[in-house]
Structures are given as C-alpha cells and as structure tokens.
Amino acid sequence: MSTNEKRYERERNVVSRRKVQGKKMQRRAFLLSAFCLLLLFSCSYVFTSRAQNSNETVKYYRSIEVAPGETLWDIAGDYTSVEYKDRYAYIDEVKKLNHLTSDQISAREFLTVPYYDVT
C-alpha cells in the first residue's frame, strides 16, 4: 500500500468516525430535548391541576379607613369569617396587627385587617 493510499484510508476513517460521532451527538441532543419537554409538560400539568382543584382558603390583609362612628365590633362584623372562633377573636387579631392597646379607634384612622378568601 502506497503512502497516498494510507493517507486516503486514514482520512476516510476520520470522516467515518466524525459521521458516527455527529449522529451520536444528534441522538443525545434529541433525547435531551425530549426529556426537557416531557419535564416541562409534566410540571405544568401538576401545577395547573393543583391550582384548578385546590379551592384553598387563603388569608389576606387589607388596609381600611375607619369611618366616622365605626367601631372594631362593626369592622369585625364585616370581615369575620368561619376561620375565627367569634368576633372577639377577630378583634384581638386586629388589635395585635395594629398595635392597639384598647378598643378605641378614630375616624379616618387606617387599620390593617385580615380576611379569608377561596383561591
């Protein structure tokens, strides 16, 4: 076998190996892409199904302005829900949230009040 034939054979082997390596890389890239898509769809399915079927009760907070003549008892009547034992429990939480030491509130004062809502 001549030198040119040997060189030609080596180049042909290199080209052949590169083709095989290229096909392996394409296969790996395809499998990785398929795995990522599968992972993305499964995560989105889990989160959307959980959000649609949760009907979870969540606690929120709102800032309100006290109207003239309004009392904590009146506010508790508007915002108390089944999550509280009674209006007194709700009033205690409002007082703690707003650092109140008594039941006295003034008109045009702002209070943070909790409330529950279904998501």
C-alpha atoms as a PDB file:
ATOM      1  CA  MET A   1       0.000   0.000   0.000  1.00  0.00           C
ATOM      2  CA  SER A   2       1.415   3.360  -1.005  1.00  0.00           C
ATOM      3  CA  THR A   3       1.693   6.429   1.155  1.00  0.00           C
ATOM      4  CA  ASN A   4      -1.148   8.133  -0.670  1.00  0.00           C
ATOM      5  CA  GLU A   5      -3.398   5.128  -0.181  1.00  0.00           C
ATOM      6  CA  LYS A   6      -2.598   5.028   3.533  1.00  0.00           C
ATOM      7  CA  ARG A   7      -3.336   8.743   3.886  1.00  0.00           C
ATOM      8  CA  TYR A   8      -6.577   8.324   1.951  1.00  0.00           C
ATOM      9  CA  GLU A   9      -7.568   5.375   4.184  1.00  0.00           C
ATOM     10  CA  ARG A  10      -6.814   7.386   7.348  1.00  0.00           C
ATOM     11  CA  GLU A  11      -8.835  10.361   6.094  1.00  0.00           C
ATOM     12  CA  ARG A  12     -11.720   8.076   5.207  1.00  0.00           C
ATOM     13  CA  ASN A  13     -11.606   6.552   8.705  1.00  0.00           C
ATOM     14  CA  VAL A  14     -11.559  10.032  10.278  1.00  0.00           C
ATOM     15  CA  VAL A  15     -14.536  11.131   8.177  1.00  0.00           C
ATOM     16  CA  SER A  16     -16.381   7.934   9.049  1.00  0.00           C
ATOM     17  CA  ARG A  17     -15.731   8.421  12.790  1.00  0.00           C
ATOM     18  CA  ARG A  18     -16.882  12.037  12.604  1.00  0.00           C
ATOM     19  CA  LYS A  19     -20.126  10.972  10.946  1.00  0.00           C
ATOM     20  CA  VAL A  20     -20.734   8.413  13.702  1.00  0.00           C
ATOM     21  CA  GLN A  21     -19.898  10.971  16.380  1.00  0.00           C
ATOM     22  CA  GLY A  22     -22.197  13.507  14.709  1.00  0.00           C
ATOM     23  CA  LYS A  23     -25.071  11.012  14.704  1.00  0.00           C
ATOM     24  CA  LYS A  24     -24.439  10.219  18.385  1.00  0.00           C
ATOM     25  CA  MET A  25     -24.485  13.932  19.228  1.00  0.00           C
ATOM     26  CA  GLN A  26     -27.738  14.407  17.300  1.00  0.00           C
ATOM     27  CA  ARG A  27     -29.283  11.462  19.139  1.00  0.00           C
ATOM     28  CA  ARG A  28     -28.165  12.846  22.517  1.00  0.00           C
ATOM     29  CA  ALA A  29     -29.499  16.310  21.677  1.00  0.00           C
ATOM     30  CA  PHE A  30     -32.830  14.828  20.603  1.00  0.00           C
ATOM     31  CA  LEU A  31     -33.133  12.736  23.772  1.00  0.00           C
ATOM     32  CA  LEU A  32     -32.213  15.707  25.959  1.00  0.00           C
ATOM     33  CA  SER A  33     -34.777  17.911  24.196  1.00  0.00           C
ATOM     34  CA  ALA A  34     -37.460  15.238  24.529  1.00  0.00           C
ATOM     35  CA  PHE A  35     -36.685  14.828  28.238  1.00  0.00           C
ATOM     36  CA  CYS A  36     -36.845  18.604  28.831  1.00  0.00           C
ATOM     37  CA  LEU A  37     -40.183  18.864  27.022  1.00  0.00           C
ATOM     38  CA  LEU A  38     -41.582  15.938  28.981  1.00  0.00           C
ATOM     39  CA  LEU A  39     -40.422  17.509  32.230  1.00  0.00           C
ATOM     40  CA  LEU A  40     -41.904  20.878  31.262  1.00  0.00           C
ATOM     41  CA  PHE A  41     -45.301  19.418  30.361  1.00  0.00           C
ATOM     42  CA  SER A  42     -45.486  17.249  33.458  1.00  0.00           C
ATOM     43  CA  CYS A  43     -44.641  20.191  35.743  1.00  0.00           C
ATOM     44  CA  SER A  44     -47.166  22.451  34.060  1.00  0.00           C
ATOM     45  CA  TYR A  45     -49.828  19.738  34.346  1.00  0.00           C
ATOM     46  CA  VAL A  46     -49.166  19.262  38.053  1.00  0.00           C
ATOM     47  CA  PHE A  47     -49.268  22.981  38.835  1.00  0.00           C
ATOM     48  CA  THR A  48     -52.337  23.770  36.740  1.00  0.00           C
ATOM     49  CA  SER A  49     -54.307  20.819  38.049  1.00  0.00           C
ATOM     50  CA  ARG A  50     -53.366  21.733  41.614  1.00  0.00           C
ATOM     51  CA  ALA A  51     -54.404  25.359  41.070  1.00  0.00           C
ATOM     52  CA  GLN A  52     -57.712  24.427  39.431  1.00  0.00           C
ATOM     53  CA  ASN A  53     -58.757  21.903  42.056  1.00  0.00           C
ATOM     54  CA  SER A  54     -57.376  23.492  45.194  1.00  0.00           C
ATOM     55  CA  ASN A  55     -60.271  25.696  46.412  1.00  0.00           C
ATOM     56  CA  GLU A  56     -57.899  26.567  49.187  1.00  0.00           C
ATOM     57  CA  THR A  57     -58.814  29.237  51.726  1.00  0.00           C
ATOM     58  CA  VAL A  58     -56.066  31.857  51.939  1.00  0.00           C
ATOM     59  CA  LYS A  59     -55.597  34.631  54.473  1.00  0.00           C
ATOM     60  CA  TYR A  60     -55.149  38.144  53.064  1.00  0.00           C
ATOM     61  CA  TYR A  61     -54.687  41.567  54.602  1.00  0.00           C
ATOM     62  CA  ARG A  62     -56.305  44.844  53.625  1.00  0.00           C
ATOM     63  CA  SER A  63     -55.856  48.414  54.768  1.00  0.00           C
ATOM     64  CA  ILE A  64     -59.127  50.160  55.572  1.00  0.00           C
ATOM     65  CA  GLU A  65     -60.007  53.666  56.661  1.00  0.00           C
ATOM     66  CA  VAL A  66     -62.191  53.875  59.757  1.00  0.00           C
ATOM     67  CA  ALA A  67     -65.453  55.664  59.015  1.00  0.00           C
ATOM     68  CA  PRO A  68     -66.931  58.163  61.480  1.00  0.00           C
ATOM     69  CA  GLY A  69     -68.743  56.307  64.267  1.00  0.00           C
ATOM     70  CA  GLU A  70     -67.329  52.912  63.215  1.00  0.00           C
ATOM     71  CA  THR A  71     -66.102  50.542  65.926  1.00  0.00           C
ATOM     72  CA  LEU A  72     -63.948  47.425  65.977  1.00  0.00           C
ATOM     73  CA  TRP A  73     -67.162  45.475  66.529  1.00  0.00           C
ATOM     74  CA  ASP A  74     -68.571  46.870  63.253  1.00  0.00           C
ATOM     75  CA  ILE A  75     -65.366  46.043  61.361  1.00  0.00           C
ATOM     76  CA  ALA A  76     -65.370  42.539  62.827  1.00  0.00           C
ATOM     77  CA  GLY A  77     -68.942  42.128  61.595  1.00  0.00           C
ATOM     78  CA  ASP A  78     -67.808  42.936  58.061  1.00  0.00           C
ATOM     79  CA  TYR A  79     -64.687  40.757  57.991  1.00  0.00           C
ATOM     80  CA  THR A  80     -65.125  37.909  60.500  1.00  0.00           C
ATOM     81  CA  SER A  81     -65.471  34.512  58.824  1.00  0.00           C
ATOM     82  CA  VAL A  82     -65.761  30.886  59.901  1.00  0.00           C
ATOM     83  CA  GLU A  83     -61.984  30.735  60.398  1.00  0.00           C
ATOM     84  CA  TYR A  84     -62.420  32.734  63.608  1.00  0.00           C
ATOM     85  CA  LYS A  85     -63.979  31.426  66.791  1.00  0.00           C
ATOM     86  CA  ASP A  86     -66.051  34.615  67.145  1.00  0.00           C
ATOM     87  CA  ARG A  87     -65.911  38.391  66.709  1.00  0.00           C
ATOM     88  CA  TYR A  88     -63.836  38.753  69.859  1.00  0.00           C
ATOM     89  CA  ALA A  89     -61.082  36.564  68.395  1.00  0.00           C
ATOM     90  CA  TYR A  90     -61.118  38.651  65.232  1.00  0.00           C
ATOM     91  CA  ILE A  91     -60.944  41.915  67.198  1.00  0.00           C
ATOM     92  CA  ASP A  92     -57.993  40.574  69.197  1.00  0.00           C
ATOM     93  CA  GLU A  93     -56.125  39.821  65.963  1.00  0.00           C
ATOM     94  CA  VAL A  94     -56.874  43.287  64.539  1.00  0.00           C
ATOM     95  CA  LYS A  95     -55.633  44.879  67.748  1.00  0.00           C
ATOM     96  CA  LYS A  96     -52.400  42.863  67.617  1.00  0.00           C
ATOM     97  CA  LEU A  97     -51.845  43.655  63.931  1.00  0.00           C
ATOM     98  CA  ASN A  98     -52.281  47.376  64.545  1.00  0.00           C
ATOM     99  CA  HIS A  99     -50.549  47.531  67.943  1.00  0.00           C
ATOM    100  CA  LEU A 100     -53.709  48.736  69.666  1.00  0.00           C
ATOM    101  CA  THR A 101     -53.898  48.513  73.452  1.00  0.00           C
ATOM    102  CA  SER A 102     -57.594  49.379  73.689  1.00  0.00           C
ATOM    103  CA  ASP A 103     -60.761  49.068  71.615  1.00  0.00           C
ATOM    104  CA  GLN A 104     -60.758  52.809  70.854  1.00  0.00           C
ATOM    105  CA  ILE A 105     -60.299  53.753  67.206  1.00  0.00           C
ATOM    106  CA  SER A 106     -60.769  57.102  65.475  1.00  0.00           C
ATOM    107  CA  ALA A 107     -62.401  58.173  62.237  1.00  0.00           C
ATOM    108  CA  ARG A 108     -60.026  58.454  59.264  1.00  0.00           C
ATOM    109  CA  GLU A 109     -57.527  56.164  61.022  1.00  0.00           C
ATOM    110  CA  PHE A 110     -56.143  53.357  58.845  1.00  0.00           C
ATOM    111  CA  LEU A 111     -56.187  49.784  60.105  1.00  0.00           C
ATOM    112  CA  THR A 112     -54.825  46.578  58.654  1.00  0.00           C
ATOM    113  CA  VAL A 113     -57.500  43.905  58.780  1.00  0.00           C
ATOM    114  CA  PRO A 114     -57.248  40.210  57.884  1.00  0.00           C
ATOM    115  CA  TYR A 115     -59.773  38.372  55.783  1.00  0.00           C
ATOM    116  CA  TYR A 116     -60.026  34.956  54.162  1.00  0.00           C
ATOM    117  CA  ASP A 117     -60.876  34.156  50.581  1.00  0.00           C
ATOM    118  CA  VAL A 118     -61.039  30.997  48.468  1.00  0.00           C
ATOM    119  CA  THR A 119     -58.469  30.762  45.675  1.00  0.00           C
END
